[in-house]
Amino acid sequence: MAETHVLFVEDDDVIREATQLALERDGFAVTAVPDGLLGLEAFRADRPDIALLDVMVPGLDGVSLCRRIRDESTVPVIMLSARADSIDVVLGLEAGADDYVTKPFDGAVLVARIRAVLRRFGHAGGAAGDGGPAGRQEQGGALTFGDLEVDTDGMEVRRAGEPVSLTPTEMRLLLEFSSAPGTVLSRDKLLDRVWDYGWGGDTRVVDVHVQRLRTKIGQDRIETVRGFGYKLKG
C-alpha cells in the first residue's frame, strides 16, 4: 500500500523538523517546507493526500494558501494555529480548511486528526443512513428537497438542475442532514458523525461548514434551531 503523502507548511524549524520525524515514524511520507509560496509549488508538483498549513507563514500565509489549494482541489486541509480563540481559525475554515489543530500539539493527537480526516474523505458515502423520516422524496437513487437533489450513490448534488461542487466534508455534512430531514442535529452529534470526534471538539468547525454549505445549497435550506443545532428543511 502506498504511503499517505502529507504536505506540511511550517516556518518554525524546530516544529517543522520534529513534526516531520513524528509523522514519518507513523508511516507518512512528508514534504515539509518553510513558507507558503514553496508550499504552493510543492502542492502543484506532488499533489499530496493531505495538507497541514500553519496560519502564520511567510511568502503566502496559510489562509491564502488554503484558498489557492481549494481553488484547484478538494484535497483535505488541516490548519495549524497558535491560539484556539484566534480569528485565524475561523478564517482558515472559511477559506476551505476541513479542520484545525491548535499549537502546541501532541504528535499523537495530530496523527489521530489526520487519520480521522482521511477516513471521512475515503468514505464520503458512509454518512447517509438507510431510510429516513417521512417528507423526503426519493426518485431513483436521489433525494429531493425542493430544488435540491442529492444523489447518494453518485455523490452528486444539483440545485435547480445545476451541479453543486462540494468538498468531501461538505458532502458528508449534507448527507447527515439529508438522511434525517426535519430532525434537529446537535453540533456535538455532527462533530461525532462527520468529523469523527468521539471525544468532542470545537463546534466552530460545524458552524463554519454549515455556513459554507448554505452558500452553495441555499441560505434558507438549513435552519438554525437556537440552543439545539441545525436541521434540513424537507
Protein backbone atom coordinates (compact mmCIF):
# COMPACT_ATOMS: atom_id res chain seq x y z
CA MET A 1 0.00 0.00 0.00
CA ALA A 2 1.33 3.42 -0.95
CA GLU A 3 2.29 5.80 1.82
CA THR A 4 -0.02 8.69 2.57
CA HIS A 5 1.69 11.85 1.36
CA VAL A 6 1.48 14.86 3.67
CA LEU A 7 2.39 18.42 2.67
CA PHE A 8 3.49 20.29 5.80
CA VAL A 9 3.98 24.08 5.67
CA GLU A 10 5.59 25.47 8.84
CA ASP A 11 8.21 28.21 9.21
CA ASP A 12 9.45 27.23 12.68
CA ASP A 13 12.44 24.96 12.03
CA VAL A 14 12.13 23.03 15.30
CA ILE A 15 8.40 22.36 14.93
CA ARG A 16 8.75 21.50 11.25
CA GLU A 17 11.58 19.02 11.73
CA ALA A 18 10.15 17.40 14.87
CA THR A 19 6.68 17.04 13.35
CA GLN A 20 8.06 15.66 10.11
CA LEU A 21 10.00 12.99 12.04
CA ALA A 22 6.93 12.11 14.12
CA LEU A 23 4.73 11.75 11.04
CA GLU A 24 7.34 9.68 9.22
CA ARG A 25 7.61 7.35 12.23
CA ASP A 26 3.87 6.78 11.86
CA GLY A 27 4.29 5.78 8.23
CA PHE A 28 3.51 9.03 6.41
CA ALA A 29 5.58 10.41 3.55
CA VAL A 30 6.15 14.09 4.31
CA THR A 31 7.13 17.08 2.20
CA ALA A 32 7.96 19.87 4.66
CA VAL A 33 8.56 23.44 3.51
CA PRO A 34 9.06 26.73 5.43
CA ASP A 35 6.81 29.17 3.53
CA GLY A 36 3.56 29.38 1.65
CA LEU A 37 4.97 30.01 -1.81
CA LEU A 38 7.10 26.89 -1.58
CA GLY A 39 4.05 25.13 -0.22
CA LEU A 40 2.02 26.06 -3.29
CA GLU A 41 4.83 24.87 -5.56
CA ALA A 42 5.08 21.58 -3.70
CA PHE A 43 1.32 21.11 -3.78
CA ARG A 44 1.17 21.60 -7.53
CA ALA A 45 4.18 19.40 -8.15
CA ASP A 46 3.33 16.48 -5.86
CA ARG A 47 -0.46 16.59 -5.28
CA PRO A 48 -0.33 15.33 -1.68
CA ASP A 49 -3.08 13.34 0.01
CA ILE A 50 -3.48 15.96 2.76
CA ALA A 51 -2.05 19.40 3.57
CA LEU A 52 -1.10 20.75 7.02
CA LEU A 53 -0.81 24.52 6.88
CA ASP A 54 0.39 26.81 9.64
CA VAL A 55 -1.61 30.02 9.60
CA MET A 56 1.35 32.38 10.06
CA VAL A 57 3.96 31.51 7.44
CA PRO A 58 5.93 33.92 5.22
CA GLY A 59 5.58 34.36 1.49
CA LEU A 60 1.95 33.32 1.31
CA ASP A 61 0.11 32.94 4.61
CA GLY A 62 -1.67 29.70 5.44
CA VAL A 63 -5.19 31.07 4.91
CA SER A 64 -4.32 32.41 1.46
CA LEU A 65 -2.56 29.17 0.59
CA CYS A 66 -5.64 27.24 1.66
CA ARG A 67 -7.77 29.34 -0.69
CA ARG A 68 -5.36 28.68 -3.56
CA ILE A 69 -5.40 24.95 -2.88
CA ARG A 70 -9.18 24.92 -2.61
CA ASP A 71 -9.47 26.70 -5.98
CA GLU A 72 -7.63 23.77 -7.55
CA SER A 73 -8.51 20.73 -5.46
CA THR A 74 -10.72 19.17 -2.80
CA VAL A 75 -7.69 17.62 -1.06
CA PRO A 76 -8.20 17.74 2.72
CA VAL A 77 -6.60 20.65 4.56
CA ILE A 78 -5.87 20.98 8.27
CA MET A 79 -4.88 24.41 9.58
CA LEU A 80 -2.43 24.82 12.45
CA SER A 81 -2.98 27.82 14.72
CA ALA A 82 -1.10 29.01 17.80
CA ARG A 83 -4.27 30.28 19.52
CA ALA A 84 -7.53 28.39 19.98
CA ASP A 85 -9.51 31.64 20.18
CA SER A 86 -7.82 33.27 17.20
CA ILE A 87 -9.89 34.68 14.36
CA ASP A 88 -7.36 32.89 12.17
CA VAL A 89 -9.11 29.61 12.99
CA VAL A 90 -12.40 30.84 11.55
CA LEU A 91 -10.68 32.47 8.59
CA GLY A 92 -8.94 29.21 7.80
CA LEU A 93 -12.18 27.26 7.93
CA GLU A 94 -13.95 29.85 5.81
CA ALA A 95 -11.11 29.60 3.29
CA GLY A 96 -11.94 25.92 2.83
CA ALA A 97 -9.99 24.07 5.52
CA ASP A 98 -11.61 20.91 6.82
CA ASP A 99 -10.23 21.01 10.34
CA TYR A 100 -7.69 22.73 12.55
CA VAL A 101 -5.28 21.82 15.33
CA THR A 102 -4.06 24.25 17.99
CA LYS A 103 -0.35 24.60 18.71
CA PRO A 104 1.42 23.37 20.70
CA PHE A 105 0.04 19.96 19.79
CA ASP A 106 0.84 16.42 20.80
CA GLY A 107 2.13 14.31 17.92
CA ALA A 108 -0.35 11.52 18.66
CA VAL A 109 -3.25 13.98 18.60
CA LEU A 110 -2.13 15.36 15.24
CA VAL A 111 -1.82 11.87 13.77
CA ALA A 112 -5.28 10.98 15.07
CA ARG A 113 -6.79 14.10 13.49
CA ILE A 114 -5.04 13.40 10.18
CA ARG A 115 -6.35 9.85 10.13
CA ALA A 116 -9.86 11.00 11.06
CA VAL A 117 -9.89 13.44 8.15
CA LEU A 118 -8.53 10.82 5.75
CA ARG A 119 -11.15 8.29 6.89
CA ARG A 120 -14.03 10.58 6.11
CA PHE A 121 -12.51 11.60 2.78
CA GLY A 122 -12.09 7.96 1.86
CA HIS A 123 -15.66 7.06 2.81
CA ALA A 124 -17.71 10.10 1.86
CA GLY A 125 -20.77 7.97 1.27
CA GLY A 126 -20.81 6.50 4.73
CA ALA A 127 -22.63 9.35 6.40
CA ALA A 128 -26.06 8.72 4.97
CA GLY A 129 -28.27 6.20 6.68
CA ASP A 130 -30.90 3.96 5.14
CA GLY A 131 -34.41 5.27 5.08
CA GLY A 132 -35.45 8.43 6.91
CA PRO A 133 -38.40 10.42 8.18
CA ALA A 134 -41.46 10.97 6.06
CA GLY A 135 -41.41 14.01 3.82
CA ARG A 136 -38.21 13.14 1.97
CA GLN A 137 -38.89 12.35 -1.67
CA GLU A 138 -36.87 9.61 -3.37
CA GLN A 139 -36.54 9.49 -7.12
CA GLY A 140 -34.29 6.68 -8.32
CA GLY A 141 -31.14 6.93 -6.23
CA ALA A 142 -31.68 10.60 -5.43
CA LEU A 143 -33.21 12.50 -2.54
CA THR A 144 -35.02 15.72 -3.34
CA PHE A 145 -35.71 18.69 -1.10
CA GLY A 146 -37.43 21.40 -3.09
CA ASP A 147 -34.99 22.39 -5.83
CA LEU A 148 -32.16 20.45 -4.16
CA GLU A 149 -31.31 16.95 -5.40
CA VAL A 150 -28.83 14.74 -3.54
CA ASP A 151 -27.59 11.61 -5.34
CA THR A 152 -26.26 9.46 -2.50
CA ASP A 153 -24.96 6.78 -4.87
CA GLY A 154 -23.13 9.02 -7.31
CA MET A 155 -22.14 11.55 -4.63
CA GLU A 156 -23.54 14.39 -6.72
CA VAL A 157 -25.66 17.39 -5.76
CA ARG A 158 -27.78 19.58 -8.01
CA ARG A 159 -29.65 22.76 -7.23
CA ALA A 160 -32.33 23.81 -9.70
CA GLY A 161 -30.78 21.34 -12.11
CA GLU A 162 -27.29 22.82 -11.87
CA PRO A 163 -24.39 20.84 -10.35
CA VAL A 164 -23.14 21.97 -6.95
CA SER A 165 -19.47 21.44 -6.14
CA LEU A 166 -18.92 20.32 -2.54
CA THR A 167 -15.80 19.29 -0.69
CA PRO A 168 -15.95 15.78 0.84
CA THR A 169 -16.54 17.30 4.29
CA GLU A 170 -19.40 19.43 2.99
CA MET A 171 -20.82 16.37 1.24
CA ARG A 172 -20.73 14.29 4.42
CA LEU A 173 -22.41 17.12 6.30
CA LEU A 174 -25.17 17.34 3.71
CA LEU A 175 -25.62 13.56 3.77
CA GLU A 176 -26.13 13.68 7.52
CA PHE A 177 -28.81 16.33 7.13
CA SER A 178 -30.49 14.64 4.17
CA SER A 179 -30.65 11.29 5.98
CA ALA A 180 -32.93 12.89 8.57
CA PRO A 181 -34.68 15.98 7.13
CA GLY A 182 -36.62 17.97 9.67
CA THR A 183 -34.66 16.40 12.53
CA VAL A 184 -32.52 18.71 14.65
CA LEU A 185 -28.89 17.56 14.72
CA SER A 186 -26.79 18.98 17.51
CA ARG A 187 -23.31 20.32 16.89
CA ASP A 188 -21.84 17.57 19.08
CA LYS A 189 -23.63 14.89 17.08
CA LEU A 190 -22.36 16.38 13.82
CA LEU A 191 -18.82 16.53 15.21
CA ASP A 192 -19.08 12.87 16.09
CA ARG A 193 -20.59 11.73 12.80
CA VAL A 194 -18.88 13.99 10.27
CA TRP A 195 -15.58 14.88 11.92
CA ASP A 196 -15.19 11.57 13.78
CA TYR A 197 -14.70 13.39 17.09
CA GLY A 198 -15.87 10.81 19.58
CA TRP A 199 -14.23 12.90 22.28
CA GLY A 200 -15.93 16.15 21.26
CA GLY A 201 -14.33 19.21 19.72
CA ASP A 202 -14.70 22.87 18.85
CA THR A 203 -18.17 23.48 17.45
CA ARG A 204 -16.89 26.40 15.38
CA VAL A 205 -15.85 23.76 12.85
CA VAL A 206 -19.51 22.79 12.46
CA ASP A 207 -20.82 26.36 12.34
CA VAL A 208 -18.41 27.48 9.63
CA HIS A 209 -19.03 24.41 7.49
CA VAL A 210 -22.79 24.82 7.80
CA GLN A 211 -22.44 28.40 6.61
CA ARG A 212 -20.25 27.30 3.70
CA LEU A 213 -22.81 24.65 2.79
CA ARG A 214 -25.64 27.20 2.95
CA THR A 215 -23.91 29.42 0.42
CA LYS A 216 -23.93 26.51 -2.02
CA ILE A 217 -27.35 24.92 -1.49
CA GLY A 218 -29.34 27.96 -0.36
CA GLN A 219 -29.18 30.05 2.79
CA ASP A 220 -32.66 29.03 3.94
CA ARG A 221 -32.26 25.30 3.26
CA ILE A 222 -30.59 24.60 6.62
CA GLU A 223 -32.36 26.10 9.61
CA THR A 224 -30.66 27.07 12.87
CA VAL A 225 -32.56 25.89 15.93
CA ARG A 226 -31.16 28.17 18.58
CA GLY A 227 -29.68 26.34 21.53
CA PHE A 228 -30.01 22.91 19.87
CA GLY A 229 -28.37 22.73 16.45
CA TYR A 230 -29.41 22.60 12.81
CA LYS A 231 -31.95 20.87 10.62
CA LEU A 232 -32.53 20.46 6.91
CA LYS A 233 -35.88 21.71 5.69
CA GLY A 234 -37.76 18.93 3.89
